[in-house]
Amino acid sequence: MDRDKLLFYTLSQIVYPNFDTPRSEKLETLYALDELDVILLRWYGGKAIGFYTVKPAGTEIFSTKERYMMPVVDTAYIRSEYRNRGFGMGILSDVIARFPNEDIGFSKPISNGMLRILKKFLTSRKEYRLRFWEIADCDISGSQQLIWCTLRRAAL
């Protein structure tokens, strides 16, 4: 097992459930391990403080044999003591840098914390409002919702 996978495992399966216990009322869930995901660690001062994972476009969904039509951010986590310091916005900036000309999906359900970050990001970066999608049901036709529209409806 390489270093990044070991750190991801430690953060997702030990630190998160035991120290930042997910709260269902905030749409937080435990993280499942998927060997096809691209794991991207977030660092601060030489320490892994979080991660996000992406299912690349074209990845086959084992249960349905469908394929993702766009890259999909499947998980994102920053340790609680490092939150509210811009690391979530950094994740979004990193995603758009990695996939500069593509729409970006976010797995449903999107946690309340990530929705706040998305709202802040999309409020200031209008050019991405038509490129960020909430993806349910493994990207099967009709499962996509534009995140900006969802955020606008919730604000009413």
C-alpha atoms as a PDB file:
ATOM      1  CA  MET A   1       0.000   0.000   0.000  1.00  0.00           C
ATOM      2  CA  ASP A   2       1.486   3.376  -0.925  1.00  0.00           C
ATOM      3  CA  ARG A   3       1.768   6.299   1.491  1.00  0.00           C
ATOM      4  CA  ASP A   4      -1.200   8.291   0.107  1.00  0.00           C
ATOM      5  CA  LYS A   5      -3.536   5.299   0.309  1.00  0.00           C
ATOM      6  CA  LEU A   6      -2.387   4.563   3.862  1.00  0.00           C
ATOM      7  CA  LEU A   7      -2.937   8.176   4.919  1.00  0.00           C
ATOM      8  CA  PHE A   8      -6.333   8.222   3.172  1.00  0.00           C
ATOM      9  CA  TYR A   9      -7.321   5.010   4.964  1.00  0.00           C
ATOM     10  CA  THR A  10      -6.218   6.430   8.320  1.00  0.00           C
ATOM     11  CA  LEU A  11      -8.105   9.697   7.794  1.00  0.00           C
ATOM     12  CA  SER A  12     -11.272   8.176   6.309  1.00  0.00           C
ATOM     13  CA  GLN A  13     -11.652   5.020   8.380  1.00  0.00           C
ATOM     14  CA  ILE A  14     -10.069   5.937  11.734  1.00  0.00           C
ATOM     15  CA  VAL A  15      -9.778   9.711  12.285  1.00  0.00           C
ATOM     16  CA  TYR A  16     -13.080  10.797  10.722  1.00  0.00           C
ATOM     17  CA  PRO A  17     -15.408   8.258  12.366  1.00  0.00           C
ATOM     18  CA  ASN A  18     -13.711   8.470  15.770  1.00  0.00           C
ATOM     19  CA  PHE A  19     -12.839  12.162  16.095  1.00  0.00           C
ATOM     20  CA  ASP A  20     -15.192  13.991  13.700  1.00  0.00           C
ATOM     21  CA  THR A  21     -18.138  11.614  13.957  1.00  0.00           C
ATOM     22  CA  PRO A  22     -20.450  12.118  10.977  1.00  0.00           C
ATOM     23  CA  ARG A  23     -23.846  13.620  11.768  1.00  0.00           C
ATOM     24  CA  SER A  24     -26.713  12.430   9.609  1.00  0.00           C
ATOM     25  CA  GLU A  25     -28.714  15.639  10.182  1.00  0.00           C
ATOM     26  CA  LYS A  26     -25.883  17.475   8.364  1.00  0.00           C
ATOM     27  CA  LEU A  27     -25.967  14.856   5.573  1.00  0.00           C
ATOM     28  CA  GLU A  28     -22.541  13.588   6.668  1.00  0.00           C
ATOM     29  CA  THR A  29     -21.846   9.902   6.078  1.00  0.00           C
ATOM     30  CA  LEU A  30     -19.055   7.405   6.586  1.00  0.00           C
ATOM     31  CA  TYR A  31     -16.676   7.070   3.666  1.00  0.00           C
ATOM     32  CA  ALA A  32     -16.630   3.938   1.573  1.00  0.00           C
ATOM     33  CA  LEU A  33     -13.361   2.805   0.048  1.00  0.00           C
ATOM     34  CA  ASP A  34     -13.330   2.482  -3.737  1.00  0.00           C
ATOM     35  CA  GLU A  35     -10.085   1.425  -5.374  1.00  0.00           C
ATOM     36  CA  LEU A  36     -10.995   3.210  -8.631  1.00  0.00           C
ATOM     37  CA  ASP A  37     -11.195   6.637  -6.992  1.00  0.00           C
ATOM     38  CA  VAL A  38      -8.381   9.132  -7.401  1.00  0.00           C
ATOM     39  CA  ILE A  39      -7.241  10.087  -3.892  1.00  0.00           C
ATOM     40  CA  LEU A  40      -6.021  13.651  -3.378  1.00  0.00           C
ATOM     41  CA  LEU A  41      -4.647  14.501   0.041  1.00  0.00           C
ATOM     42  CA  ARG A  42      -4.756  18.000   1.510  1.00  0.00           C
ATOM     43  CA  TRP A  43      -1.650  19.102   3.401  1.00  0.00           C
ATOM     44  CA  TYR A  44      -0.812  21.771   5.948  1.00  0.00           C
ATOM     45  CA  GLY A  45       2.598  22.182   7.524  1.00  0.00           C
ATOM     46  CA  GLY A  46       3.752  18.806   6.216  1.00  0.00           C
ATOM     47  CA  LYS A  47       0.752  17.025   7.773  1.00  0.00           C
ATOM     48  CA  ALA A  48      -2.114  15.330   5.933  1.00  0.00           C
ATOM     49  CA  ILE A  49      -5.187  17.167   7.243  1.00  0.00           C
ATOM     50  CA  GLY A  50      -7.801  15.888   4.823  1.00  0.00           C
ATOM     51  CA  PHE A  51      -8.574  14.536   1.412  1.00  0.00           C
ATOM     52  CA  TYR A  52     -10.979  14.430  -1.438  1.00  0.00           C
ATOM     53  CA  THR A  53     -11.663  11.668  -3.926  1.00  0.00           C
ATOM     54  CA  VAL A  54     -12.745  11.849  -7.548  1.00  0.00           C
ATOM     55  CA  LYS A  55     -14.359   9.272  -9.765  1.00  0.00           C
ATOM     56  CA  PRO A  56     -12.894  10.083 -13.211  1.00  0.00           C
ATOM     57  CA  ALA A  57     -15.172  10.460 -16.225  1.00  0.00           C
ATOM     58  CA  GLY A  58     -15.577   7.085 -17.903  1.00  0.00           C
ATOM     59  CA  THR A  59     -15.225   5.091 -14.673  1.00  0.00           C
ATOM     60  CA  GLU A  60     -17.556   2.101 -14.797  1.00  0.00           C
ATOM     61  CA  ILE A  61     -20.076   1.663 -12.007  1.00  0.00           C
ATOM     62  CA  PHE A  62     -19.751  -1.957 -10.965  1.00  0.00           C
ATOM     63  CA  SER A  63     -23.416  -2.522 -10.067  1.00  0.00           C
ATOM     64  CA  THR A  64     -24.938  -1.027 -13.245  1.00  0.00           C
ATOM     65  CA  LYS A  65     -22.150  -1.112 -15.867  1.00  0.00           C
ATOM     66  CA  GLU A  66     -22.993   2.570 -16.534  1.00  0.00           C
ATOM     67  CA  ARG A  67     -20.097   5.030 -16.780  1.00  0.00           C
ATOM     68  CA  TYR A  68     -19.646   8.411 -15.164  1.00  0.00           C
ATOM     69  CA  MET A  69     -20.152  11.145 -17.766  1.00  0.00           C
ATOM     70  CA  MET A  70     -17.999  13.698 -15.914  1.00  0.00           C
ATOM     71  CA  PRO A  71     -15.472  13.662 -13.076  1.00  0.00           C
ATOM     72  CA  VAL A  72     -17.365  13.355  -9.788  1.00  0.00           C
ATOM     73  CA  VAL A  73     -16.101  14.546  -6.420  1.00  0.00           C
ATOM     74  CA  ASP A  74     -17.231  11.608  -4.319  1.00  0.00           C
ATOM     75  CA  THR A  75     -15.863  12.506  -0.891  1.00  0.00           C
ATOM     76  CA  ALA A  76     -14.236  15.467   0.814  1.00  0.00           C
ATOM     77  CA  TYR A  77     -12.974  15.765   4.367  1.00  0.00           C
ATOM     78  CA  ILE A  78     -10.915  18.261   6.343  1.00  0.00           C
ATOM     79  CA  ARG A  79     -10.150  17.523  10.001  1.00  0.00           C
ATOM     80  CA  SER A  80     -12.332  19.674  12.243  1.00  0.00           C
ATOM     81  CA  GLU A  81      -9.423  21.600  13.779  1.00  0.00           C
ATOM     82  CA  TYR A  82      -8.435  22.839  10.286  1.00  0.00           C
ATOM     83  CA  ARG A  83     -11.894  23.864   9.069  1.00  0.00           C
ATOM     84  CA  ASN A  84     -12.901  27.443   8.275  1.00  0.00           C
ATOM     85  CA  ARG A  85      -9.404  28.234   7.005  1.00  0.00           C
ATOM     86  CA  GLY A  86     -10.078  28.027   3.258  1.00  0.00           C
ATOM     87  CA  PHE A  87      -9.147  24.380   2.692  1.00  0.00           C
ATOM     88  CA  GLY A  88     -12.623  23.577   1.300  1.00  0.00           C
ATOM     89  CA  MET A  89     -12.317  26.412  -1.211  1.00  0.00           C
ATOM     90  CA  GLY A  90      -8.858  25.039  -1.980  1.00  0.00           C
ATOM     91  CA  ILE A  91     -10.400  21.684  -2.836  1.00  0.00           C
ATOM     92  CA  LEU A  92     -12.761  23.341  -5.326  1.00  0.00           C
ATOM     93  CA  SER A  93      -9.907  25.344  -6.867  1.00  0.00           C
ATOM     94  CA  ASP A  94      -7.861  22.161  -7.184  1.00  0.00           C
ATOM     95  CA  VAL A  95     -10.743  20.298  -8.845  1.00  0.00           C
ATOM     96  CA  ILE A  96     -11.283  22.959 -11.498  1.00  0.00           C
ATOM     97  CA  ALA A  97      -7.526  23.136 -12.134  1.00  0.00           C
ATOM     98  CA  ARG A  98      -7.410  19.359 -12.679  1.00  0.00           C
ATOM     99  CA  PHE A  99     -10.481  19.350 -14.951  1.00  0.00           C
ATOM    100  CA  PRO A 100     -10.343  22.820 -16.570  1.00  0.00           C
ATOM    101  CA  ASN A 101     -12.801  22.335 -19.420  1.00  0.00           C
ATOM    102  CA  GLU A 102     -15.194  19.822 -17.896  1.00  0.00           C
ATOM    103  CA  ASP A 103     -18.385  19.918 -15.906  1.00  0.00           C
ATOM    104  CA  ILE A 104     -17.802  18.656 -12.370  1.00  0.00           C
ATOM    105  CA  GLY A 105     -20.162  16.370 -10.469  1.00  0.00           C
ATOM    106  CA  PHE A 106     -20.581  16.077  -6.705  1.00  0.00           C
ATOM    107  CA  SER A 107     -22.016  12.866  -5.260  1.00  0.00           C
ATOM    108  CA  LYS A 108     -25.391  13.117  -3.593  1.00  0.00           C
ATOM    109  CA  PRO A 109     -25.967  13.750  -0.768  1.00  0.00           C
ATOM    110  CA  ILE A 110     -23.788  16.825  -0.519  1.00  0.00           C
ATOM    111  CA  SER A 111     -23.144  17.645   3.140  1.00  0.00           C
ATOM    112  CA  ASN A 112     -24.335  20.934   4.589  1.00  0.00           C
ATOM    113  CA  GLY A 113     -20.714  21.997   5.061  1.00  0.00           C
ATOM    114  CA  MET A 114     -19.842  21.379   1.412  1.00  0.00           C
ATOM    115  CA  LEU A 115     -23.023  23.151   0.279  1.00  0.00           C
ATOM    116  CA  ARG A 116     -21.918  26.259   2.232  1.00  0.00           C
ATOM    117  CA  ILE A 117     -18.517  26.116   0.512  1.00  0.00           C
ATOM    118  CA  LEU A 118     -20.134  25.611  -2.901  1.00  0.00           C
ATOM    119  CA  LYS A 119     -22.459  28.570  -2.312  1.00  0.00           C
ATOM    120  CA  LYS A 120     -19.528  30.824  -1.384  1.00  0.00           C
ATOM    121  CA  PHE A 121     -17.498  29.590  -4.363  1.00  0.00           C
ATOM    122  CA  LEU A 122     -20.318  29.917  -6.909  1.00  0.00           C
ATOM    123  CA  THR A 123     -21.360  33.330  -5.603  1.00  0.00           C
ATOM    124  CA  SER A 124     -17.909  34.699  -6.365  1.00  0.00           C
ATOM    125  CA  ARG A 125     -17.084  32.522  -9.401  1.00  0.00           C
ATOM    126  CA  LYS A 126     -20.156  32.961 -11.614  1.00  0.00           C
ATOM    127  CA  GLU A 127     -18.476  31.243 -14.573  1.00  0.00           C
ATOM    128  CA  TYR A 128     -18.823  27.872 -12.766  1.00  0.00           C
ATOM    129  CA  ARG A 129     -22.546  28.117 -11.967  1.00  0.00           C
ATOM    130  CA  LEU A 130     -23.499  26.049 -15.019  1.00  0.00           C
ATOM    131  CA  ARG A 131     -20.682  23.515 -14.562  1.00  0.00           C
ATOM    132  CA  PHE A 132     -21.201  22.068 -11.041  1.00  0.00           C
ATOM    133  CA  TRP A 133     -23.748  19.259 -10.778  1.00  0.00           C
ATOM    134  CA  GLU A 134     -25.170  17.140  -7.996  1.00  0.00           C
ATOM    135  CA  ILE A 135     -25.086  13.527  -9.174  1.00  0.00           C
ATOM    136  CA  ALA A 136     -27.385  10.835  -7.815  1.00  0.00           C
ATOM    137  CA  ASP A 137     -27.804   7.254  -8.918  1.00  0.00           C
ATOM    138  CA  CYS A 138     -24.323   6.983 -10.414  1.00  0.00           C
ATOM    139  CA  ASP A 139     -24.973   9.642 -13.072  1.00  0.00           C
ATOM    140  CA  ILE A 140     -27.862   7.769 -14.696  1.00  0.00           C
ATOM    141  CA  SER A 141     -29.814  10.011 -17.043  1.00  0.00           C
ATOM    142  CA  GLY A 142     -32.110  12.386 -15.202  1.00  0.00           C
ATOM    143  CA  SER A 143     -30.216  12.187 -11.901  1.00  0.00           C
ATOM    144  CA  GLN A 144     -28.220  15.394 -12.394  1.00  0.00           C
ATOM    145  CA  GLN A 145     -29.209  18.682 -10.788  1.00  0.00           C
ATOM    146  CA  LEU A 146     -27.418  21.962 -11.248  1.00  0.00           C
ATOM    147  CA  ILE A 147     -26.033  22.872  -7.811  1.00  0.00           C
ATOM    148  CA  TRP A 148     -26.499  26.607  -8.359  1.00  0.00           C
ATOM    149  CA  CYS A 149     -30.238  26.113  -8.975  1.00  0.00           C
ATOM    150  CA  THR A 150     -30.524  23.969  -5.870  1.00  0.00           C
ATOM    151  CA  LEU A 151     -28.758  26.643  -3.812  1.00  0.00           C
ATOM    152  CA  ARG A 152     -30.973  29.401  -5.237  1.00  0.00           C
ATOM    153  CA  ARG A 153     -34.166  27.456  -4.461  1.00  0.00           C
ATOM    154  CA  ALA A 154     -32.986  26.796  -0.893  1.00  0.00           C
ATOM    155  CA  ALA A 155     -32.342  30.538  -0.366  1.00  0.00           C
ATOM    156  CA  LEU A 156     -35.969  31.450  -1.124  1.00  0.00           C
END
